[in-house]
Amino acid sequence: MAAISRLLRSTTSIPYLAGKSFSSAVASQAPSYNTPFLHPKPQFPRKDPRDRNVQWIFLGCPGVGKGTYASRLCKLLGVPHIATGDLVREELASSGPLSAQLSDIVNQGQLVSDEIIISLLSKRLAAGEAKGESGFILDGFPRTINQAEILDGVTDIDLAVNLKIREDVLLEKCLGRRICSECGKNFNVASINIKGENGSPGIMMAPLLPPAQCMSKLVTRADDTEEVVKERLRIYYDMSEPVEEFYRSQGKLLEFELPGGIPESWPKLLQALNLDDYESRQSAAA
């Protein structure tokens, strides 16, 4: 409870956490994009995303690509990307009081407790407030209905983007993840090429390889073993349905099934979010 109180104190004072933005209308009027080859027609007026006061969250299984797509959108929209997974890894790499406890939890494939996540997020939001950040995209939070309810009492989330992908593809992606031990950046060595069968479309994902200077420094995350990944997925499926329903009942859930790698998925995701025209204008102005 002390950690929850710290979150409430640190976030209720942040100006951008109050009030609805234009992206609330996006969520309430947008359909679910769960067909890989669907080309959705925008059903709401276009508006410059810089005026939206973006307050979004990304949901989805571990390894689905939340960080990849959330970080790309953050660069496009000029808002901070807050990944609770990164917050946990930063704490693991530190000599702080939570480091040993977190190491045991992560290596067993278990979810970090709400109190720990909320404490880390509280510290990050306070740091963002001090730097004058405006808006955010949360990645990896909330994972439980308890977290969703706590967050709902603190800020008015506009949109919950739920990324989905086939489980066999997801397992390959997770086992292919690598981190550069020097620069800390994430890469993926998996080359996925699954042929379509029984009416289901095939799916291709090229590896996300590092530059030459990082190639010899790649390491596998301790929690990216098949056994641990499957346990993480089992836990996620058990806990995700109430969270999805929480945002679905508020008209804020956008479900998006990834049709392939970044080249195939990114333009369709922008279209689903009604941002394809904005990216084109940004590129033209560059």
C-alpha atoms as a PDB file:
ATOM      1  CA  MET A   1       0.000   0.000   0.000  1.00  0.00           C
ATOM      2  CA  ALA A   2       2.875   2.346   0.643  1.00  0.00           C
ATOM      3  CA  ALA A   3       4.025   1.907  -2.949  1.00  0.00           C
ATOM      4  CA  ILE A   4       0.502   2.576  -4.224  1.00  0.00           C
ATOM      5  CA  SER A   5       0.336   5.740  -2.158  1.00  0.00           C
ATOM      6  CA  ARG A   6       3.660   6.856  -3.634  1.00  0.00           C
ATOM      7  CA  LEU A   7       2.308   6.297  -7.131  1.00  0.00           C
ATOM      8  CA  LEU A   8      -0.814   8.301  -6.399  1.00  0.00           C
ATOM      9  CA  ARG A   9       1.182  11.167  -4.913  1.00  0.00           C
ATOM     10  CA  SER A  10       3.741  11.254  -7.719  1.00  0.00           C
ATOM     11  CA  THR A  11       1.325  10.962 -10.631  1.00  0.00           C
ATOM     12  CA  THR A  12      -1.675  13.025  -9.619  1.00  0.00           C
ATOM     13  CA  SER A  13       0.527  16.106  -9.722  1.00  0.00           C
ATOM     14  CA  ILE A  14       1.621  15.485 -13.322  1.00  0.00           C
ATOM     15  CA  PRO A  15      -0.291  17.909 -15.580  1.00  0.00           C
ATOM     16  CA  TYR A  16      -0.605  15.602 -18.595  1.00  0.00           C
ATOM     17  CA  LEU A  17      -2.314  12.849 -16.596  1.00  0.00           C
ATOM     18  CA  ALA A  18      -5.598  14.705 -16.314  1.00  0.00           C
ATOM     19  CA  GLY A  19      -8.444  14.827 -18.813  1.00  0.00           C
ATOM     20  CA  LYS A  20      -9.397  13.017 -22.002  1.00  0.00           C
ATOM     21  CA  SER A  21      -7.720  13.621 -25.331  1.00  0.00           C
ATOM     22  CA  PHE A  22      -8.678  13.201 -28.958  1.00  0.00           C
ATOM     23  CA  SER A  23      -7.397   9.629 -28.967  1.00  0.00           C
ATOM     24  CA  SER A  24     -10.354   8.645 -26.751  1.00  0.00           C
ATOM     25  CA  ALA A  25     -12.487   9.148 -29.838  1.00  0.00           C
ATOM     26  CA  VAL A  26     -10.115   6.913 -31.796  1.00  0.00           C
ATOM     27  CA  ALA A  27     -10.643   4.034 -29.388  1.00  0.00           C
ATOM     28  CA  SER A  28     -14.406   4.426 -29.140  1.00  0.00           C
ATOM     29  CA  GLN A  29     -14.949   4.468 -32.896  1.00  0.00           C
ATOM     30  CA  ALA A  30     -12.199   2.184 -34.188  1.00  0.00           C
ATOM     31  CA  PRO A  31     -12.990  -1.471 -35.035  1.00  0.00           C
ATOM     32  CA  SER A  32     -10.851  -4.438 -33.977  1.00  0.00           C
ATOM     33  CA  TYR A  33      -8.112  -5.062 -36.528  1.00  0.00           C
ATOM     34  CA  ASN A  34      -7.737  -8.808 -36.059  1.00  0.00           C
ATOM     35  CA  THR A  35      -7.566  -9.784 -39.741  1.00  0.00           C
ATOM     36  CA  PRO A  36      -4.001  -9.615 -41.091  1.00  0.00           C
ATOM     37  CA  PHE A  37      -4.949  -8.353 -44.552  1.00  0.00           C
ATOM     38  CA  LEU A  38      -7.672  -5.913 -43.545  1.00  0.00           C
ATOM     39  CA  HIS A  39      -7.275  -2.404 -44.941  1.00  0.00           C
ATOM     40  CA  PRO A  40      -9.396  -0.344 -42.551  1.00  0.00           C
ATOM     41  CA  LYS A  41     -11.076   2.848 -43.645  1.00  0.00           C
ATOM     42  CA  PRO A  42     -10.710   5.679 -41.108  1.00  0.00           C
ATOM     43  CA  GLN A  43     -13.974   6.312 -39.291  1.00  0.00           C
ATOM     44  CA  PHE A  44     -13.032   9.436 -37.373  1.00  0.00           C
ATOM     45  CA  PRO A  45     -11.697  12.891 -38.252  1.00  0.00           C
ATOM     46  CA  ARG A  46      -7.960  13.337 -38.685  1.00  0.00           C
ATOM     47  CA  LYS A  47      -6.155  15.577 -36.252  1.00  0.00           C
ATOM     48  CA  ASP A  48      -2.512  16.372 -35.666  1.00  0.00           C
ATOM     49  CA  PRO A  49      -1.329  13.818 -33.046  1.00  0.00           C
ATOM     50  CA  ARG A  50       0.651  16.549 -31.322  1.00  0.00           C
ATOM     51  CA  ASP A  51      -2.699  17.951 -30.180  1.00  0.00           C
ATOM     52  CA  ARG A  52      -3.919  14.625 -28.802  1.00  0.00           C
ATOM     53  CA  ASN A  53      -2.113  14.618 -25.463  1.00  0.00           C
ATOM     54  CA  VAL A  54      -1.341  10.954 -26.157  1.00  0.00           C
ATOM     55  CA  GLN A  55      -1.826   8.665 -23.141  1.00  0.00           C
ATOM     56  CA  TRP A  56      -1.676   5.165 -24.554  1.00  0.00           C
ATOM     57  CA  ILE A  57      -0.780   1.699 -23.303  1.00  0.00           C
ATOM     58  CA  PHE A  58       0.457  -1.330 -25.251  1.00  0.00           C
ATOM     59  CA  LEU A  59      -0.791  -4.778 -24.257  1.00  0.00           C
ATOM     60  CA  GLY A  60       0.302  -8.159 -25.602  1.00  0.00           C
ATOM     61  CA  CYS A  61       2.193 -11.350 -24.811  1.00  0.00           C
ATOM     62  CA  PRO A  62       5.867 -11.194 -23.821  1.00  0.00           C
ATOM     63  CA  GLY A  63       7.928 -10.984 -26.999  1.00  0.00           C
ATOM     64  CA  VAL A  64       5.068  -9.908 -29.294  1.00  0.00           C
ATOM     65  CA  GLY A  65       6.785  -6.626 -30.136  1.00  0.00           C
ATOM     66  CA  LYS A  66       5.234  -4.120 -27.741  1.00  0.00           C
ATOM     67  CA  GLY A  67       8.555  -2.368 -27.236  1.00  0.00           C
ATOM     68  CA  THR A  68       9.359  -2.220 -30.944  1.00  0.00           C
ATOM     69  CA  TYR A  69       6.085  -0.657 -32.030  1.00  0.00           C
ATOM     70  CA  ALA A  70       5.611   1.512 -28.942  1.00  0.00           C
ATOM     71  CA  SER A  71       9.098   3.022 -29.337  1.00  0.00           C
ATOM     72  CA  ARG A  72       8.476   3.724 -33.040  1.00  0.00           C
ATOM     73  CA  LEU A  73       5.217   5.476 -32.230  1.00  0.00           C
ATOM     74  CA  CYS A  74       6.889   7.470 -29.471  1.00  0.00           C
ATOM     75  CA  LYS A  75       9.478   8.784 -31.933  1.00  0.00           C
ATOM     76  CA  LEU A  76       6.742   9.627 -34.419  1.00  0.00           C
ATOM     77  CA  LEU A  77       4.554  11.413 -31.863  1.00  0.00           C
ATOM     78  CA  GLY A  78       7.290  12.948 -29.719  1.00  0.00           C
ATOM     79  CA  VAL A  79       6.217  11.353 -26.409  1.00  0.00           C
ATOM     80  CA  PRO A  80       8.260   9.248 -23.958  1.00  0.00           C
ATOM     81  CA  HIS A  81       8.245   5.469 -24.150  1.00  0.00           C
ATOM     82  CA  ILE A  82       7.953   3.963 -20.674  1.00  0.00           C
ATOM     83  CA  ALA A  83       8.587   0.199 -20.676  1.00  0.00           C
ATOM     84  CA  THR A  84       8.162  -1.482 -17.318  1.00  0.00           C
ATOM     85  CA  GLY A  85      10.341  -4.339 -18.570  1.00  0.00           C
ATOM     86  CA  ASP A  86      13.183  -1.856 -19.035  1.00  0.00           C
ATOM     87  CA  LEU A  87      12.547  -0.458 -15.563  1.00  0.00           C
ATOM     88  CA  VAL A  88      12.876  -3.953 -14.132  1.00  0.00           C
ATOM     89  CA  ARG A  89      16.082  -4.669 -16.092  1.00  0.00           C
ATOM     90  CA  GLU A  90      17.582  -1.358 -14.980  1.00  0.00           C
ATOM     91  CA  GLU A  91      16.870  -2.271 -11.384  1.00  0.00           C
ATOM     92  CA  LEU A  92      18.325  -5.757 -11.944  1.00  0.00           C
ATOM     93  CA  ALA A  93      21.549  -4.210 -13.238  1.00  0.00           C
ATOM     94  CA  SER A  94      21.790  -1.923 -10.248  1.00  0.00           C
ATOM     95  CA  SER A  95      22.907  -2.680  -6.735  1.00  0.00           C
ATOM     96  CA  GLY A  96      19.585  -1.526  -5.340  1.00  0.00           C
ATOM     97  CA  PRO A  97      17.644  -3.372  -2.625  1.00  0.00           C
ATOM     98  CA  LEU A  98      15.267  -5.013  -5.143  1.00  0.00           C
ATOM     99  CA  SER A  99      17.943  -6.430  -7.449  1.00  0.00           C
ATOM    100  CA  ALA A 100      18.369  -9.906  -5.887  1.00  0.00           C
ATOM    101  CA  GLN A 101      14.634 -10.345  -5.353  1.00  0.00           C
ATOM    102  CA  LEU A 102      13.879  -9.404  -8.960  1.00  0.00           C
ATOM    103  CA  SER A 103      16.561 -11.777 -10.265  1.00  0.00           C
ATOM    104  CA  ASP A 104      14.870 -14.779  -8.652  1.00  0.00           C
ATOM    105  CA  ILE A 105      11.433 -13.758  -9.927  1.00  0.00           C
ATOM    106  CA  VAL A 106      12.510 -13.125 -13.536  1.00  0.00           C
ATOM    107  CA  ASN A 107      14.653 -16.250 -13.873  1.00  0.00           C
ATOM    108  CA  GLN A 108      11.699 -18.393 -12.772  1.00  0.00           C
ATOM    109  CA  GLY A 109       9.459 -16.795 -15.405  1.00  0.00           C
ATOM    110  CA  GLN A 110       7.134 -15.332 -12.771  1.00  0.00           C
ATOM    111  CA  LEU A 111       5.453 -11.942 -12.921  1.00  0.00           C
ATOM    112  CA  VAL A 112       6.915  -9.173 -10.807  1.00  0.00           C
ATOM    113  CA  SER A 113       4.524  -8.132  -8.039  1.00  0.00           C
ATOM    114  CA  ASP A 114       2.238  -5.149  -8.443  1.00  0.00           C
ATOM    115  CA  GLU A 115       3.898  -3.366  -5.545  1.00  0.00           C
ATOM    116  CA  ILE A 116       7.365  -3.592  -7.118  1.00  0.00           C
ATOM    117  CA  ILE A 117       6.164  -2.536 -10.583  1.00  0.00           C
ATOM    118  CA  ILE A 118       4.170   0.364  -9.164  1.00  0.00           C
ATOM    119  CA  SER A 119       7.153   1.504  -7.118  1.00  0.00           C
ATOM    120  CA  LEU A 120       9.420   1.488 -10.212  1.00  0.00           C
ATOM    121  CA  LEU A 121       6.801   3.213 -12.353  1.00  0.00           C
ATOM    122  CA  SER A 122       6.206   5.834  -9.685  1.00  0.00           C
ATOM    123  CA  LYS A 123       9.910   6.706  -9.687  1.00  0.00           C
ATOM    124  CA  ARG A 124       9.963   6.910 -13.507  1.00  0.00           C
ATOM    125  CA  LEU A 125       6.887   9.156 -13.701  1.00  0.00           C
ATOM    126  CA  ALA A 126       8.328  11.473 -11.080  1.00  0.00           C
ATOM    127  CA  ALA A 127      11.559  11.730 -13.087  1.00  0.00           C
ATOM    128  CA  GLY A 128       9.549  12.505 -16.221  1.00  0.00           C
ATOM    129  CA  GLU A 129       7.609  15.200 -14.443  1.00  0.00           C
ATOM    130  CA  ALA A 130      10.866  16.840 -13.370  1.00  0.00           C
ATOM    131  CA  LYS A 131      12.019  16.870 -17.017  1.00  0.00           C
ATOM    132  CA  GLY A 132       8.754  18.381 -18.258  1.00  0.00           C
ATOM    133  CA  GLU A 133       7.571  15.363 -20.258  1.00  0.00           C
ATOM    134  CA  SER A 134       4.148  15.641 -21.892  1.00  0.00           C
ATOM    135  CA  GLY A 135       2.148  12.497 -22.649  1.00  0.00           C
ATOM    136  CA  PHE A 136       3.412   8.912 -22.697  1.00  0.00           C
ATOM    137  CA  ILE A 137       3.064   5.428 -24.106  1.00  0.00           C
ATOM    138  CA  LEU A 138       3.229   2.689 -21.458  1.00  0.00           C
ATOM    139  CA  ASP A 139       4.614  -0.684 -22.502  1.00  0.00           C
ATOM    140  CA  GLY A 140       4.173  -3.732 -20.274  1.00  0.00           C
ATOM    141  CA  PHE A 141       1.827  -2.072 -17.813  1.00  0.00           C
ATOM    142  CA  PRO A 142      -0.829  -2.854 -16.707  1.00  0.00           C
ATOM    143  CA  ARG A 143      -0.517  -6.647 -16.762  1.00  0.00           C
ATOM    144  CA  THR A 144      -3.122  -7.434 -14.107  1.00  0.00           C
ATOM    145  CA  ILE A 145      -6.638  -6.217 -13.454  1.00  0.00           C
ATOM    146  CA  ASN A 146      -5.430  -4.805 -10.136  1.00  0.00           C
ATOM    147  CA  GLN A 147      -2.805  -2.734 -11.952  1.00  0.00           C
ATOM    148  CA  ALA A 148      -5.394  -1.587 -14.513  1.00  0.00           C
ATOM    149  CA  GLU A 149      -7.745  -0.428 -11.780  1.00  0.00           C
ATOM    150  CA  ILE A 150      -4.948   1.417  -9.949  1.00  0.00           C
ATOM    151  CA  LEU A 151      -3.863   3.117 -13.181  1.00  0.00           C
ATOM    152  CA  ASP A 152      -7.469   4.030 -13.977  1.00  0.00           C
ATOM    153  CA  GLY A 153      -7.692   5.858 -10.675  1.00  0.00           C
ATOM    154  CA  VAL A 154      -4.575   7.867 -11.478  1.00  0.00           C
ATOM    155  CA  THR A 155      -4.827   8.745 -15.163  1.00  0.00           C
ATOM    156  CA  ASP A 156      -7.338   8.698 -17.991  1.00  0.00           C
ATOM    157  CA  ILE A 157      -5.842   6.271 -20.527  1.00  0.00           C
ATOM    158  CA  ASP A 158      -7.066   7.098 -24.028  1.00  0.00           C
ATOM    159  CA  LEU A 159      -6.222   3.942 -25.917  1.00  0.00           C
ATOM    160  CA  ALA A 160      -5.119   0.366 -25.151  1.00  0.00           C
ATOM    161  CA  VAL A 161      -3.449  -1.248 -28.172  1.00  0.00           C
ATOM    162  CA  ASN A 162      -3.528  -5.037 -27.848  1.00  0.00           C
ATOM    163  CA  LEU A 163      -0.943  -6.656 -30.151  1.00  0.00           C
ATOM    164  CA  LYS A 164      -1.531 -10.289 -31.080  1.00  0.00           C
ATOM    165  CA  ILE A 165       0.428 -12.953 -32.970  1.00  0.00           C
ATOM    166  CA  ARG A 166       0.335 -16.722 -33.431  1.00  0.00           C
ATOM    167  CA  GLU A 167       1.832 -18.607 -30.484  1.00  0.00           C
ATOM    168  CA  ASP A 168       4.247 -20.694 -32.581  1.00  0.00           C
ATOM    169  CA  VAL A 169       5.640 -17.495 -34.117  1.00  0.00           C
ATOM    170  CA  LEU A 170       5.793 -15.846 -30.714  1.00  0.00           C
ATOM    171  CA  LEU A 171       7.856 -18.708 -29.274  1.00  0.00           C
ATOM    172  CA  GLU A 172      10.386 -18.445 -32.117  1.00  0.00           C
ATOM    173  CA  LYS A 173      10.606 -14.674 -31.629  1.00  0.00           C
ATOM    174  CA  CYS A 174      11.253 -15.004 -27.902  1.00  0.00           C
ATOM    175  CA  LEU A 175      13.956 -17.635 -28.356  1.00  0.00           C
ATOM    176  CA  GLY A 176      15.646 -15.454 -30.980  1.00  0.00           C
ATOM    177  CA  ARG A 177      15.958 -12.373 -28.786  1.00  0.00           C
ATOM    178  CA  ARG A 178      19.469 -11.124 -28.071  1.00  0.00           C
ATOM    179  CA  ILE A 179      20.939  -8.152 -26.215  1.00  0.00           C
ATOM    180  CA  CYS A 180      24.237  -6.416 -26.937  1.00  0.00           C
ATOM    181  CA  SER A 181      26.260  -6.712 -23.728  1.00  0.00           C
ATOM    182  CA  GLU A 182      27.998  -3.429 -24.507  1.00  0.00           C
ATOM    183  CA  CYS A 183      25.331  -1.010 -25.760  1.00  0.00           C
ATOM    184  CA  GLY A 184      22.298  -2.757 -24.234  1.00  0.00           C
ATOM    185  CA  LYS A 185      20.197  -2.633 -27.409  1.00  0.00           C
ATOM    186  CA  ASN A 186      17.793  -5.451 -28.303  1.00  0.00           C
ATOM    187  CA  PHE A 187      18.026  -7.536 -31.478  1.00  0.00           C
ATOM    188  CA  ASN A 188      16.506 -10.752 -32.820  1.00  0.00           C
ATOM    189  CA  VAL A 189      18.283 -13.492 -34.754  1.00  0.00           C
ATOM    190  CA  ALA A 190      15.158 -15.534 -35.549  1.00  0.00           C
ATOM    191  CA  SER A 191      14.297 -15.868 -39.241  1.00  0.00           C
ATOM    192  CA  ILE A 192      10.642 -16.880 -39.372  1.00  0.00           C
ATOM    193  CA  ASN A 193       9.041 -18.240 -42.544  1.00  0.00           C
ATOM    194  CA  ILE A 194       5.892 -20.252 -41.846  1.00  0.00           C
ATOM    195  CA  LYS A 195       3.828 -21.311 -44.850  1.00  0.00           C
ATOM    196  CA  GLY A 196       0.084 -20.852 -44.838  1.00  0.00           C
ATOM    197  CA  GLU A 197      -2.071 -23.963 -44.539  1.00  0.00           C
ATOM    198  CA  ASN A 198      -5.691 -24.948 -43.945  1.00  0.00           C
ATOM    199  CA  GLY A 199      -6.849 -21.479 -44.927  1.00  0.00           C
ATOM    200  CA  SER A 200      -4.501 -19.670 -42.552  1.00  0.00           C
ATOM    201  CA  PRO A 201      -2.093 -17.169 -44.115  1.00  0.00           C
ATOM    202  CA  GLY A 202       1.636 -17.690 -43.877  1.00  0.00           C
ATOM    203  CA  ILE A 203       3.818 -15.326 -41.924  1.00  0.00           C
ATOM    204  CA  MET A 204       7.343 -14.092 -42.516  1.00  0.00           C
ATOM    205  CA  MET A 205       9.581 -12.143 -40.163  1.00  0.00           C
ATOM    206  CA  ALA A 206      13.128 -11.241 -41.052  1.00  0.00           C
ATOM    207  CA  PRO A 207      15.729 -11.176 -38.256  1.00  0.00           C
ATOM    208  CA  LEU A 208      16.547  -7.860 -36.647  1.00  0.00           C
ATOM    209  CA  LEU A 209      20.319  -8.149 -36.787  1.00  0.00           C
ATOM    210  CA  PRO A 210      22.768  -5.861 -34.984  1.00  0.00           C
ATOM    211  CA  PRO A 211      25.474  -3.709 -36.597  1.00  0.00           C
ATOM    212  CA  ALA A 212      28.882  -5.331 -37.045  1.00  0.00           C
ATOM    213  CA  GLN A 213      30.306  -3.856 -33.831  1.00  0.00           C
ATOM    214  CA  CYS A 214      27.597  -5.559 -31.752  1.00  0.00           C
ATOM    215  CA  MET A 215      27.541  -8.979 -33.452  1.00  0.00           C
ATOM    216  CA  SER A 216      30.221 -10.580 -31.273  1.00  0.00           C
ATOM    217  CA  LYS A 217      28.736  -9.108 -28.098  1.00  0.00           C
ATOM    218  CA  LEU A 218      25.234 -10.584 -28.324  1.00  0.00           C
ATOM    219  CA  VAL A 219      23.948 -12.435 -25.278  1.00  0.00           C
ATOM    220  CA  THR A 220      20.723 -14.307 -24.592  1.00  0.00           C
ATOM    221  CA  ARG A 221      18.506 -13.061 -21.787  1.00  0.00           C
ATOM    222  CA  ALA A 222      18.532 -15.445 -18.834  1.00  0.00           C
ATOM    223  CA  ASP A 223      14.739 -15.738 -18.977  1.00  0.00           C
ATOM    224  CA  ASP A 224      14.567 -16.521 -22.725  1.00  0.00           C
ATOM    225  CA  THR A 225      14.587 -20.317 -22.511  1.00  0.00           C
ATOM    226  CA  GLU A 226      11.746 -22.391 -23.977  1.00  0.00           C
ATOM    227  CA  GLU A 227      10.588 -23.561 -20.572  1.00  0.00           C
ATOM    228  CA  VAL A 228      10.538 -20.070 -19.082  1.00  0.00           C
ATOM    229  CA  VAL A 229       8.933 -18.509 -22.180  1.00  0.00           C
ATOM    230  CA  LYS A 230       6.091 -21.067 -22.153  1.00  0.00           C
ATOM    231  CA  GLU A 231       5.542 -20.439 -18.446  1.00  0.00           C
ATOM    232  CA  ARG A 232       5.415 -16.680 -19.051  1.00  0.00           C
ATOM    233  CA  LEU A 233       2.841 -17.200 -21.809  1.00  0.00           C
ATOM    234  CA  ARG A 234       0.701 -19.443 -19.607  1.00  0.00           C
ATOM    235  CA  ILE A 235       0.681 -16.835 -16.848  1.00  0.00           C
ATOM    236  CA  TYR A 236      -0.023 -14.050 -19.328  1.00  0.00           C
ATOM    237  CA  TYR A 237      -3.029 -15.787 -20.887  1.00  0.00           C
ATOM    238  CA  ASP A 238      -4.507 -16.463 -17.445  1.00  0.00           C
ATOM    239  CA  MET A 239      -4.202 -12.836 -16.387  1.00  0.00           C
ATOM    240  CA  SER A 240      -4.688 -10.911 -19.627  1.00  0.00           C
ATOM    241  CA  GLU A 241      -8.363 -11.576 -20.318  1.00  0.00           C
ATOM    242  CA  PRO A 242      -9.690  -9.442 -17.412  1.00  0.00           C
ATOM    243  CA  VAL A 243      -7.345  -6.586 -18.404  1.00  0.00           C
ATOM    244  CA  GLU A 244      -8.473  -6.716 -22.040  1.00  0.00           C
ATOM    245  CA  GLU A 245     -12.122  -6.800 -20.968  1.00  0.00           C
ATOM    246  CA  PHE A 246     -11.505  -3.860 -18.622  1.00  0.00           C
ATOM    247  CA  TYR A 247     -10.488  -1.621 -21.547  1.00  0.00           C
ATOM    248  CA  ARG A 248     -12.946  -3.213 -23.979  1.00  0.00           C
ATOM    249  CA  SER A 249     -15.829  -2.301 -21.672  1.00  0.00           C
ATOM    250  CA  GLN A 250     -14.593   1.315 -21.696  1.00  0.00           C
ATOM    251  CA  GLY A 251     -14.455   1.364 -25.515  1.00  0.00           C
ATOM    252  CA  LYS A 252     -10.687   1.881 -25.409  1.00  0.00           C
ATOM    253  CA  LEU A 253      -9.357  -1.468 -26.677  1.00  0.00           C
ATOM    254  CA  LEU A 254      -7.856  -1.704 -30.174  1.00  0.00           C
ATOM    255  CA  GLU A 255      -6.953  -5.308 -31.051  1.00  0.00           C
ATOM    256  CA  PHE A 256      -4.340  -5.651 -33.777  1.00  0.00           C
ATOM    257  CA  GLU A 257      -3.021  -8.954 -35.131  1.00  0.00           C
ATOM    258  CA  LEU A 258       0.452  -8.598 -36.564  1.00  0.00           C
ATOM    259  CA  PRO A 259       0.477  -9.866 -40.170  1.00  0.00           C
ATOM    260  CA  GLY A 260       4.264 -10.273 -40.329  1.00  0.00           C
ATOM    261  CA  GLY A 261       7.449  -8.397 -39.558  1.00  0.00           C
ATOM    262  CA  ILE A 262       7.910  -4.648 -39.252  1.00  0.00           C
ATOM    263  CA  PRO A 263       7.666  -3.904 -43.018  1.00  0.00           C
ATOM    264  CA  GLU A 264       4.262  -5.606 -43.204  1.00  0.00           C
ATOM    265  CA  SER A 265       2.876  -4.632 -39.795  1.00  0.00           C
ATOM    266  CA  TRP A 266       4.016  -1.024 -39.298  1.00  0.00           C
ATOM    267  CA  PRO A 267       1.997   0.594 -42.124  1.00  0.00           C
ATOM    268  CA  LYS A 268      -1.125  -1.391 -41.172  1.00  0.00           C
ATOM    269  CA  LEU A 269      -0.752  -0.390 -37.525  1.00  0.00           C
ATOM    270  CA  LEU A 270      -0.421   3.265 -38.518  1.00  0.00           C
ATOM    271  CA  GLN A 271      -3.544   2.891 -40.638  1.00  0.00           C
ATOM    272  CA  ALA A 272      -5.438   1.334 -37.729  1.00  0.00           C
ATOM    273  CA  LEU A 273      -4.356   4.257 -35.532  1.00  0.00           C
ATOM    274  CA  ASN A 274      -5.162   6.779 -38.283  1.00  0.00           C
ATOM    275  CA  LEU A 275      -1.533   7.932 -38.342  1.00  0.00           C
ATOM    276  CA  ASP A 276      -0.513   6.900 -41.858  1.00  0.00           C
ATOM    277  CA  ASP A 277      -1.169  10.378 -43.258  1.00  0.00           C
ATOM    278  CA  TYR A 278       0.713  11.956 -40.357  1.00  0.00           C
ATOM    279  CA  GLU A 279       3.828   9.853 -40.994  1.00  0.00           C
ATOM    280  CA  SER A 280       3.720  10.788 -44.687  1.00  0.00           C
ATOM    281  CA  ARG A 281       3.566  14.476 -43.820  1.00  0.00           C
ATOM    282  CA  GLN A 282       6.416  14.079 -41.322  1.00  0.00           C
ATOM    283  CA  SER A 283       8.560  12.355 -43.956  1.00  0.00           C
ATOM    284  CA  ALA A 284       7.831  15.051 -46.527  1.00  0.00           C
ATOM    285  CA  ALA A 285       8.815  17.782 -44.086  1.00  0.00           C
ATOM    286  CA  ALA A 286      12.069  16.075 -43.094  1.00  0.00           C
END
